PDB file of N, CA and C in Angstrom:
ATOM      1  N   MET A   1     100.576 116.566  82.265  1.00  0.00           N
ATOM      2  CA  MET A   1      99.617 116.418  81.438  1.00  0.00           C
ATOM      3  C   MET A   1      98.305 116.949  82.239  1.00  0.00           C
ATOM      4  N   ILE A   2      96.927 117.467  81.470  1.00  0.00           N
ATOM      5  CA  ILE A   2      95.964 117.987  82.804  1.00  0.00           C
ATOM      6  C   ILE A   2      95.325 117.594  81.682  1.00  0.00           C
ATOM      7  N   ARG A   3      94.410 116.454  82.857  1.00  0.00           N
ATOM      8  CA  ARG A   3      92.898 116.780  81.749  1.00  0.00           C
ATOM      9  C   ARG A   3      91.573 117.691  82.602  1.00  0.00           C
ATOM     10  N   HIS A   4      90.990 117.198  81.816  1.00  0.00           N
ATOM     11  CA  HIS A   4      89.489 118.225  81.808  1.00  0.00           C
ATOM     12  C   HIS A   4      88.241 118.299  81.182  1.00  0.00           C
ATOM     13  N   ILE A   5      87.727 118.050  82.030  1.00  0.00           N
ATOM     14  CA  ILE A   5      86.402 117.205  81.570  1.00  0.00           C
ATOM     15  C   ILE A   5      84.894 118.615  81.640  1.00  0.00           C
ATOM     16  N   LEU A   6      84.636 117.850  80.911  1.00  0.00           N
ATOM     17  CA  LEU A   6      82.769 118.635  81.141  1.00  0.00           C
ATOM     18  C   LEU A   6      81.987 117.691  81.179  1.00  0.00           C
ATOM     19  N   LEU A   7      81.369 117.829  81.523  1.00  0.00           N
ATOM     20  CA  LEU A   7      79.316 116.580  82.130  1.00  0.00           C
ATOM     21  C   LEU A   7      78.556 117.929  81.581  1.00  0.00           C
ATOM     22  N   ILE A   8      78.016 117.497  81.205  1.00  0.00           N
ATOM     23  CA  ILE A   8      77.289 118.447  80.314  1.00  0.00           C
ATOM     24  C   ILE A   8      75.786 118.350  79.560  1.00  0.00           C
ATOM     25  N   GLN A   9      74.536 118.729  79.853  1.00  0.00           N
ATOM     26  CA  GLN A   9      73.247 119.116  80.120  1.00  0.00           C
ATOM     27  C   GLN A   9      72.463 119.855  78.934  1.00  0.00           C
ATOM     28  N   PHE A  10      72.241 119.756  77.995  1.00  0.00           N
ATOM     29  CA  PHE A  10      71.790 120.214  76.468  1.00  0.00           C
ATOM     30  C   PHE A  10      70.938 120.641  76.409  1.00  0.00           C
ATOM     31  N   LYS A  11      70.204 122.518  76.334  1.00  0.00           N
ATOM     32  CA  LYS A  11      68.566 122.674  76.494  1.00  0.00           C
ATOM     33  C   LYS A  11      67.497 121.294  75.512  1.00  0.00           C
ATOM     34  N   ASN A  12      66.605 121.409  75.985  1.00  0.00           N
ATOM     35  CA  ASN A  12      65.525 120.178  75.413  1.00  0.00           C
ATOM     36  C   ASN A  12      65.502 121.275  73.920  1.00  0.00           C
ATOM     37  N   THR A  13      65.717 121.987  73.657  1.00  0.00           N
ATOM     38  CA  THR A  13      65.735 122.113  71.473  1.00  0.00           C
ATOM     39  C   THR A  13      66.647 122.257  71.749  1.00  0.00           C
ATOM     40  N   ALA A  14      68.025 121.622  71.538  1.00  0.00           N
ATOM     41  CA  ALA A  14      69.221 120.861  70.750  1.00  0.00           C
ATOM     42  C   ALA A  14      69.145 119.993  70.360  1.00  0.00           C
ATOM     43  N   GLN A  15      69.014 120.137  68.413  1.00  0.00           N
ATOM     44  CA  GLN A  15      68.687 118.981  67.879  1.00  0.00           C
ATOM     45  C   GLN A  15      70.183 117.892  67.006  1.00  0.00           C
ATOM     46  N   PRO A  16      69.788 117.755  66.671  1.00  0.00           N
ATOM     47  CA  PRO A  16      70.418 115.860  67.376  1.00  0.00           C
ATOM     48  C   PRO A  16      71.235 116.363  65.939  1.00  0.00           C
ATOM     49  N   ALA A  17      71.116 117.263  64.834  1.00  0.00           N
ATOM     50  CA  ALA A  17      72.756 117.749  63.780  1.00  0.00           C
ATOM     51  C   ALA A  17      73.106 118.218  64.751  1.00  0.00           C
ATOM     52  N   GLN A  18      72.804 118.971  65.562  1.00  0.00           N
ATOM     53  CA  GLN A  18      73.571 120.640  66.019  1.00  0.00           C
ATOM     54  C   GLN A  18      74.400 119.800  67.084  1.00  0.00           C
ATOM     55  N   LEU A  19      73.660 118.995  67.723  1.00  0.00           N
ATOM     56  CA  LEU A  19      75.043 118.568  68.446  1.00  0.00           C
ATOM     57  C   LEU A  19      76.314 117.941  68.407  1.00  0.00           C
ATOM     58  N   GLU A  20      75.990 117.078  66.410  1.00  0.00           N
ATOM     59  CA  GLU A  20      76.634 115.779  65.682  1.00  0.00           C
ATOM     60  C   GLU A  20      77.558 116.896  65.959  1.00  0.00           C
ATOM     61  N   SER A  21      77.755 118.197  64.621  1.00  0.00           N
ATOM     62  CA  SER A  21      78.075 119.108  64.307  1.00  0.00           C
ATOM     63  C   SER A  21      79.128 119.838  65.504  1.00  0.00           C
ATOM     64  N   LEU A  22      78.560 119.683  67.015  1.00  0.00           N
ATOM     65  CA  LEU A  22      79.306 120.361  68.320  1.00  0.00           C
ATOM     66  C   LEU A  22      80.570 119.243  69.030  1.00  0.00           C
ATOM     67  N   ARG A  23      80.565 118.387  68.671  1.00  0.00           N
ATOM     68  CA  ARG A  23      81.577 116.721  68.604  1.00  0.00           C
ATOM     69  C   ARG A  23      82.044 117.101  67.546  1.00  0.00           C
ATOM     70  N   GLU A  24      81.460 117.679  66.518  1.00  0.00           N
ATOM     71  CA  GLU A  24      82.828 117.103  65.644  1.00  0.00           C
ATOM     72  C   GLU A  24      83.900 118.573  66.069  1.00  0.00           C
ATOM     73  N   LEU A  25      83.620 119.447  65.968  1.00  0.00           N
ATOM     74  CA  LEU A  25      84.664 120.983  66.316  1.00  0.00           C
ATOM     75  C   LEU A  25      85.013 120.369  67.842  1.00  0.00           C
ATOM     76  N   PHE A  26      84.927 119.817  68.789  1.00  0.00           N
ATOM     77  CA  PHE A  26      85.589 119.102  69.801  1.00  0.00           C
ATOM     78  C   PHE A  26      86.156 118.631  69.389  1.00  0.00           C
ATOM     79  N   ILE A  27      86.066 117.728  68.731  1.00  0.00           N
ATOM     80  CA  ILE A  27      86.879 116.865  67.854  1.00  0.00           C
ATOM     81  C   ILE A  27      88.186 117.616  66.866  1.00  0.00           C
ATOM     82  N   GLY A  28      87.686 118.175  66.847  1.00  0.00           N
ATOM     83  CA  GLY A  28      88.930 118.787  65.780  1.00  0.00           C
ATOM     84  C   GLY A  28      89.655 119.158  66.716  1.00  0.00           C
ATOM     85  N   LEU A  29      88.954 120.041  67.489  1.00  0.00           N
ATOM     86  CA  LEU A  29      90.319 120.827  68.896  1.00  0.00           C
ATOM     87  C   LEU A  29      91.720 120.398  68.728  1.00  0.00           C
ATOM     88  N   GLY A  30      91.632 119.032  68.737  1.00  0.00           N
ATOM     89  CA  GLY A  30      92.377 118.484  68.503  1.00  0.00           C
ATOM     90  C   GLY A  30      93.967 118.476  67.652  1.00  0.00           C
ATOM     91  N   GLU A  31      93.143 118.828  66.535  1.00  0.00           N
ATOM     92  CA  GLU A  31      94.277 119.099  65.690  1.00  0.00           C
ATOM     93  C   GLU A  31      94.441 120.366  65.429  1.00  0.00           C
ATOM     94  N   LYS A  32      94.026 120.906  65.809  1.00  0.00           N
ATOM     95  CA  LYS A  32      94.116 122.955  66.195  1.00  0.00           C
ATOM     96  C   LYS A  32      94.793 123.742  66.476  1.00  0.00           C
ATOM     97  N   ILE A  33      94.920 122.978  67.979  1.00  0.00           N
ATOM     98  CA  ILE A  33      95.254 123.542  69.285  1.00  0.00           C
ATOM     99  C   ILE A  33      95.844 123.107  69.737  1.00  0.00           C
ATOM    100  N   GLU A  34      98.116 123.241  69.368  1.00  0.00           N
ATOM    101  CA  GLU A  34      99.112 122.363  70.059  1.00  0.00           C
ATOM    102  C   GLU A  34      98.994 122.485  71.368  1.00  0.00           C
ATOM    103  N   GLY A  35      99.279 121.468  72.120  1.00  0.00           N
ATOM    104  CA  GLY A  35      99.241 120.966  73.093  1.00  0.00           C
ATOM    105  C   GLY A  35      97.328 119.827  73.857  1.00  0.00           C
ATOM    106  N   VAL A  36      97.244 119.945  72.495  1.00  0.00           N
ATOM    107  CA  VAL A  36      95.222 119.417  73.066  1.00  0.00           C
ATOM    108  C   VAL A  36      95.619 117.779  72.532  1.00  0.00           C
ATOM    109  N   SER A  37      95.919 117.076  73.219  1.00  0.00           N
ATOM    110  CA  SER A  37      96.685 115.767  72.521  1.00  0.00           C
ATOM    111  C   SER A  37      95.599 114.438  72.379  1.00  0.00           C
ATOM    112  N   GLY A  38      94.603 115.044  73.131  1.00  0.00           N
ATOM    113  CA  GLY A  38      93.109 113.706  72.964  1.00  0.00           C
ATOM    114  C   GLY A  38      91.648 114.271  73.515  1.00  0.00           C
ATOM    115  N   VAL A  39      90.740 114.117  72.459  1.00  0.00           N
ATOM    116  CA  VAL A  39      89.898 114.883  73.053  1.00  0.00           C
ATOM    117  C   VAL A  39      88.657 113.837  72.639  1.00  0.00           C
ATOM    118  N   GLU A  40      87.808 113.070  73.562  1.00  0.00           N
ATOM    119  CA  GLU A  40      87.324 112.316  73.575  1.00  0.00           C
ATOM    120  C   GLU A  40      85.124 112.802  73.969  1.00  0.00           C
ATOM    121  N   TRP A  41      84.344 112.314  72.966  1.00  0.00           N
ATOM    122  CA  TRP A  41      83.236 112.466  73.377  1.00  0.00           C
ATOM    123  C   TRP A  41      81.863 111.837  73.713  1.00  0.00           C
ATOM    124  N   GLY A  42      81.009 111.438  74.900  1.00  0.00           N
ATOM    125  CA  GLY A  42      80.112 110.621  74.878  1.00  0.00           C
ATOM    126  C   GLY A  42      79.739 110.923  75.241  1.00  0.00           C
ATOM    127  N   VAL A  43      78.180 109.438  75.141  1.00  0.00           N
ATOM    128  CA  VAL A  43      76.961 110.124  75.854  1.00  0.00           C
ATOM    129  C   VAL A  43      77.082 109.153  77.104  1.00  0.00           C
ATOM    130  N   ASN A  44      75.820 109.449  78.501  1.00  0.00           N
ATOM    131  CA  ASN A  44      75.980 108.337  79.092  1.00  0.00           C
ATOM    132  C   ASN A  44      75.369 107.520  79.021  1.00  0.00           C
ATOM    133  N   ASP A  45      75.628 106.289  79.225  1.00  0.00           N
ATOM    134  CA  ASP A  45      75.442 105.030  79.880  1.00  0.00           C
ATOM    135  C   ASP A  45      74.556 104.459  80.439  1.00  0.00           C
ATOM    136  N   SER A  46      75.613 104.756  81.497  1.00  0.00           N
ATOM    137  CA  SER A  46      74.860 103.920  82.916  1.00  0.00           C
ATOM    138  C   SER A  46      73.524 104.064  83.419  1.00  0.00           C
ATOM    139  N   PRO A  47      73.417 102.980  83.844  1.00  0.00           N
ATOM    140  CA  PRO A  47      72.434 102.106  83.993  1.00  0.00           C
ATOM    141  C   PRO A  47      71.784 102.522  85.360  1.00  0.00           C
ATOM    142  N   GLU A  48      73.497 103.254  85.832  1.00  0.00           N
ATOM    143  CA  GLU A  48      73.069 103.719  87.532  1.00  0.00           C
ATOM    144  C   GLU A  48      72.243 104.622  88.351  1.00  0.00           C
ATOM    145  N   GLY A  49      71.268 105.076  86.822  1.00  0.00           N
ATOM    146  CA  GLY A  49      70.592 106.547  87.426  1.00  0.00           C
ATOM    147  C   GLY A  49      71.153 108.098  88.084  1.00  0.00           C
ATOM    148  N   LYS A  50      72.375 108.113  88.178  1.00  0.00           N
ATOM    149  CA  LYS A  50      73.212 108.698  88.445  1.00  0.00           C
ATOM    150  C   LYS A  50      73.543 110.174  88.467  1.00  0.00           C
ATOM    151  N   ASN A  51      73.406 110.185  86.879  1.00  0.00           N
ATOM    152  CA  ASN A  51      74.149 111.256  86.426  1.00  0.00           C
ATOM    153  C   ASN A  51      72.781 112.855  86.579  1.00  0.00           C
ATOM    154  N   LYS A  52      72.823 112.669  87.224  1.00  0.00           N
ATOM    155  CA  LYS A  52      71.596 114.070  87.263  1.00  0.00           C
ATOM    156  C   LYS A  52      71.581 115.150  86.367  1.00  0.00           C
ATOM    157  N   ASN A  53      70.656 114.567  85.450  1.00  0.00           N
ATOM    158  CA  ASN A  53      70.595 115.474  83.685  1.00  0.00           C
ATOM    159  C   ASN A  53      71.198 115.135  83.256  1.00  0.00           C
ATOM    160  N   PHE A  54      73.118 115.252  83.169  1.00  0.00           N
ATOM    161  CA  PHE A  54      74.045 115.654  82.542  1.00  0.00           C
ATOM    162  C   PHE A  54      74.520 114.359  81.414  1.00  0.00           C
ATOM    163  N   THR A  55      73.827 114.298  79.688  1.00  0.00           N
ATOM    164  CA  THR A  55      73.368 113.306  79.259  1.00  0.00           C
ATOM    165  C   THR A  55      75.007 112.963  78.487  1.00  0.00           C
ATOM    166  N   HIS A  56      75.695 114.007  78.445  1.00  0.00           N
ATOM    167  CA  HIS A  56      77.156 113.900  77.803  1.00  0.00           C
ATOM    168  C   HIS A  56      78.430 113.917  78.285  1.00  0.00           C
ATOM    169  N   VAL A  57      78.634 113.924  77.795  1.00  0.00           N
ATOM    170  CA  VAL A  57      80.789 114.341  78.582  1.00  0.00           C
ATOM    171  C   VAL A  57      81.950 114.437  77.186  1.00  0.00           C
ATOM    172  N   VAL A  58      82.818 115.452  77.735  1.00  0.00           N
ATOM    173  CA  VAL A  58      83.371 115.794  76.722  1.00  0.00           C
ATOM    174  C   VAL A  58      84.993 115.464  77.937  1.00  0.00           C
ATOM    175  N   MET A  59      86.240 114.118  77.425  1.00  0.00           N
ATOM    176  CA  MET A  59      86.981 114.882  78.362  1.00  0.00           C
ATOM    177  C   MET A  59      88.496 115.430  76.969  1.00  0.00           C
ATOM    178  N   MET A  60      88.848 115.519  78.045  1.00  0.00           N
ATOM    179  CA  MET A  60      90.103 115.761  77.107  1.00  0.00           C
ATOM    180  C   MET A  60      91.308 116.348  78.133  1.00  0.00           C
ATOM    181  N   THR A  61      92.819 116.293  77.132  1.00  0.00           N
ATOM    182  CA  THR A  61      93.601 115.899  77.537  1.00  0.00           C
ATOM    183  C   THR A  61      94.688 116.931  76.927  1.00  0.00           C
ATOM    184  N   PHE A  62      95.686 117.995  78.076  1.00  0.00           N
ATOM    185  CA  PHE A  62      96.536 118.743  77.684  1.00  0.00           C
ATOM    186  C   PHE A  62      98.550 118.436  77.751  1.00  0.00           C
ATOM    187  N   ALA A  63      99.150 118.449  77.288  1.00  0.00           N
ATOM    188  CA  ALA A  63      99.978 118.535  77.508  1.00  0.00           C
ATOM    189  C   ALA A  63     100.470 118.485  79.171  1.00  0.00           C
ATOM    190  N   ASP A  64     100.296 120.172  79.221  1.00  0.00           N
ATOM    191  CA  ASP A  64     100.507 120.746  80.326  1.00  0.00           C
ATOM    192  C   ASP A  64      99.603 122.293  80.741  1.00  0.00           C
ATOM    193  N   GLU A  65     100.589 122.794  81.951  1.00  0.00           N
ATOM    194  CA  GLU A  65      99.602 124.050  81.895  1.00  0.00           C
ATOM    195  C   GLU A  65     100.016 124.932  80.688  1.00  0.00           C
ATOM    196  N   ALA A  66     101.429 125.023  80.212  1.00  0.00           N
ATOM    197  CA  ALA A  66     100.895 125.778  78.862  1.00  0.00           C
ATOM    198  C   ALA A  66     100.231 126.183  77.725  1.00  0.00           C
ATOM    199  N   ALA A  67      99.299 123.966  77.274  1.00  0.00           N
ATOM    200  CA  ALA A  67      98.705 123.872  76.287  1.00  0.00           C
ATOM    201  C   ALA A  67      97.078 124.468  76.461  1.00  0.00           C
ATOM    202  N   ARG A  68      97.518 124.204  78.389  1.00  0.00           N
ATOM    203  CA  ARG A  68      95.725 124.541  79.110  1.00  0.00           C
ATOM    204  C   ARG A  68      95.624 125.760  78.108  1.00  0.00           C
ATOM    205  N   GLN A  69      96.177 126.478  78.741  1.00  0.00           N
ATOM    206  CA  GLN A  69      96.223 128.579  78.958  1.00  0.00           C
ATOM    207  C   GLN A  69      96.215 128.769  77.310  1.00  0.00           C
ATOM    208  N   ARG A  70      96.920 128.626  75.997  1.00  0.00           N
ATOM    209  CA  ARG A  70      96.727 128.535  74.391  1.00  0.00           C
ATOM    210  C   ARG A  70      94.797 128.305  74.640  1.00  0.00           C
ATOM    211  N   TYR A  71      94.568 126.527  75.109  1.00  0.00           N
ATOM    212  CA  TYR A  71      93.280 126.328  74.911  1.00  0.00           C
ATOM    213  C   TYR A  71      92.291 127.488  75.324  1.00  0.00           C
ATOM    214  N   LEU A  72      92.321 128.216  76.052  1.00  0.00           N
ATOM    215  CA  LEU A  72      91.841 128.987  76.932  1.00  0.00           C
ATOM    216  C   LEU A  72      91.243 129.972  76.258  1.00  0.00           C
ATOM    217  N   VAL A  73      92.121 130.753  75.775  1.00  0.00           N
ATOM    218  CA  VAL A  73      92.053 131.506  74.955  1.00  0.00           C
ATOM    219  C   VAL A  73      92.475 131.708  72.725  1.00  0.00           C
ATOM    220  N   HIS A  74      92.639 130.128  72.518  1.00  0.00           N
ATOM    221  CA  HIS A  74      92.559 130.446  71.122  1.00  0.00           C
ATOM    222  C   HIS A  74      91.451 129.753  70.731  1.00  0.00           C
ATOM    223  N   PRO A  75      91.313 130.533  69.223  1.00  0.00           N
ATOM    224  CA  PRO A  75      90.539 131.503  68.411  1.00  0.00           C
ATOM    225  C   PRO A  75      89.332 130.439  68.072  1.00  0.00           C
ATOM    226  N   GLU A  76      90.388 128.914  68.068  1.00  0.00           N
ATOM    227  CA  GLU A  76      88.845 127.993  67.448  1.00  0.00           C
ATOM    228  C   GLU A  76      88.717 127.451  68.829  1.00  0.00           C
ATOM    229  N   HIS A  77      88.771 127.507  69.814  1.00  0.00           N
ATOM    230  CA  HIS A  77      87.791 127.440  71.556  1.00  0.00           C
ATOM    231  C   HIS A  77      87.070 128.284  71.485  1.00  0.00           C
ATOM    232  N   MET A  78      87.373 129.291  70.897  1.00  0.00           N
ATOM    233  CA  MET A  78      85.970 130.598  71.359  1.00  0.00           C
ATOM    234  C   MET A  78      84.657 130.245  69.859  1.00  0.00           C
ATOM    235  N   ALA A  79      85.168 129.772  68.953  1.00  0.00           N
ATOM    236  CA  ALA A  79      84.711 129.349  67.845  1.00  0.00           C
ATOM    237  C   ALA A  79      83.037 128.874  68.688  1.00  0.00           C
ATOM    238  N   LEU A  80      84.491 127.255  68.884  1.00  0.00           N
ATOM    239  CA  LEU A  80      83.863 126.214  69.359  1.00  0.00           C
ATOM    240  C   LEU A  80      82.143 126.936  70.779  1.00  0.00           C
ATOM    241  N   VAL A  81      82.704 127.923  71.475  1.00  0.00           N
ATOM    242  CA  VAL A  81      82.442 128.730  72.716  1.00  0.00           C
ATOM    243  C   VAL A  81      81.186 129.305  72.053  1.00  0.00           C
ATOM    244  N   ASP A  82      80.749 129.593  71.367  1.00  0.00           N
ATOM    245  CA  ASP A  82      79.514 130.805  70.766  1.00  0.00           C
ATOM    246  C   ASP A  82      78.593 129.451  70.244  1.00  0.00           C
ATOM    247  N   VAL A  83      79.237 128.453  69.816  1.00  0.00           N
ATOM    248  CA  VAL A  83      78.220 127.204  69.513  1.00  0.00           C
ATOM    249  C   VAL A  83      77.079 126.518  70.650  1.00  0.00           C
ATOM    250  N   PHE A  84      79.111 126.290  70.899  1.00  0.00           N
ATOM    251  CA  PHE A  84      78.307 125.416  72.249  1.00  0.00           C
ATOM    252  C   PHE A  84      76.646 126.590  73.488  1.00  0.00           C
ATOM    253  N   VAL A  85      77.415 127.932  73.748  1.00  0.00           N
ATOM    254  CA  VAL A  85      76.918 128.053  75.164  1.00  0.00           C
ATOM    255  C   VAL A  85      74.910 128.305  74.396  1.00  0.00           C
ATOM    256  N   PRO A  86      74.685 128.507  73.412  1.00  0.00           N
ATOM    257  CA  PRO A  86      73.248 128.310  72.611  1.00  0.00           C
ATOM    258  C   PRO A  86      72.508 126.889  73.158  1.00  0.00           C
ATOM    259  N   LEU A  87      73.129 126.012  72.821  1.00  0.00           N
ATOM    260  CA  LEU A  87      72.500 124.391  73.524  1.00  0.00           C
ATOM    261  C   LEU A  87      72.891 124.337  74.768  1.00  0.00           C
ATOM    262  N   LEU A  88      73.413 124.696  75.806  1.00  0.00           N
ATOM    263  CA  LEU A  88      74.169 124.432  76.786  1.00  0.00           C
ATOM    264  C   LEU A  88      72.908 125.324  78.313  1.00  0.00           C
ATOM    265  N   GLU A  89      71.786 123.906  78.891  1.00  0.00           N
ATOM    266  CA  GLU A  89      71.644 124.102  80.091  1.00  0.00           C
ATOM    267  C   GLU A  89      72.372 123.928  81.270  1.00  0.00           C
ATOM    268  N   ASP A  90      73.130 123.535  80.675  1.00  0.00           N
ATOM    269  CA  ASP A  90      74.157 122.577  82.871  1.00  0.00           C
ATOM    270  C   ASP A  90      75.330 122.437  81.959  1.00  0.00           C
ATOM    271  N   ILE A  91      76.423 123.046  83.239  1.00  0.00           N
ATOM    272  CA  ILE A  91      77.497 121.930  82.714  1.00  0.00           C
ATOM    273  C   ILE A  91      78.830 122.873  84.161  1.00  0.00           C
ATOM    274  N   VAL A  92      79.251 121.228  84.277  1.00  0.00           N
ATOM    275  CA  VAL A  92      80.105 121.435  85.366  1.00  0.00           C
ATOM    276  C   VAL A  92      81.440 120.858  85.013  1.00  0.00           C
ATOM    277  N   VAL A  93      82.313 121.551  85.052  1.00  0.00           N
ATOM    278  CA  VAL A  93      83.822 121.055  84.102  1.00  0.00           C
ATOM    279  C   VAL A  93      85.359 120.803  85.559  1.00  0.00           C
ATOM    280  N   VAL A  94      85.647 119.644  85.612  1.00  0.00           N
ATOM    281  CA  VAL A  94      87.023 119.316  86.186  1.00  0.00           C
ATOM    282  C   VAL A  94      87.912 119.678  85.547  1.00  0.00           C
ATOM    283  N   ASP A  95      88.597 119.876  86.051  1.00  0.00           N
ATOM    284  CA  ASP A  95      90.646 119.872  85.537  1.00  0.00           C
ATOM    285  C   ASP A  95      91.335 119.321  86.674  1.00  0.00           C
ATOM    286  N   TYR A  96      92.331 118.342  85.865  1.00  0.00           N
ATOM    287  CA  TYR A  96      93.211 117.377  87.634  1.00  0.00           C
ATOM    288  C   TYR A  96      94.439 117.539  86.337  1.00  0.00           C
ATOM    289  N   PRO A  97      95.337 117.480  87.116  1.00  0.00           N
ATOM    290  CA  PRO A  97      96.683 117.075  86.770  1.00  0.00           C
ATOM    291  C   PRO A  97      97.477 115.582  86.666  1.00  0.00           C
ATOM    292  N   VAL A  98      97.626 115.011  85.558  1.00  0.00           N
ATOM    293  CA  VAL A  98      97.997 113.502  85.862  1.00  0.00           C
ATOM    294  C   VAL A  98      99.037 113.363  86.198  1.00  0.00           C
TER     295      VAL A  98
END
């Protein structure tokens, strides 16, 4: 398995309805792309204050390397990117094997 972690900072202009639509697109990837076995969306609520303006997190689980490669070029992922990038201020992406 591979975990795919996104730490996200959205632009100040991103509206709650846009973020909710984006969340639904992310969550839906688990049903649309073979080998995506889990998708989680969360909002930072750490009391430590060390999030460096990253307010949201997405954690995805891929069954294996082949699933990650399918995801990267899949039309559903590309459609999500079209919605995501205009809302994005900054992002950190980390993948690791489980």
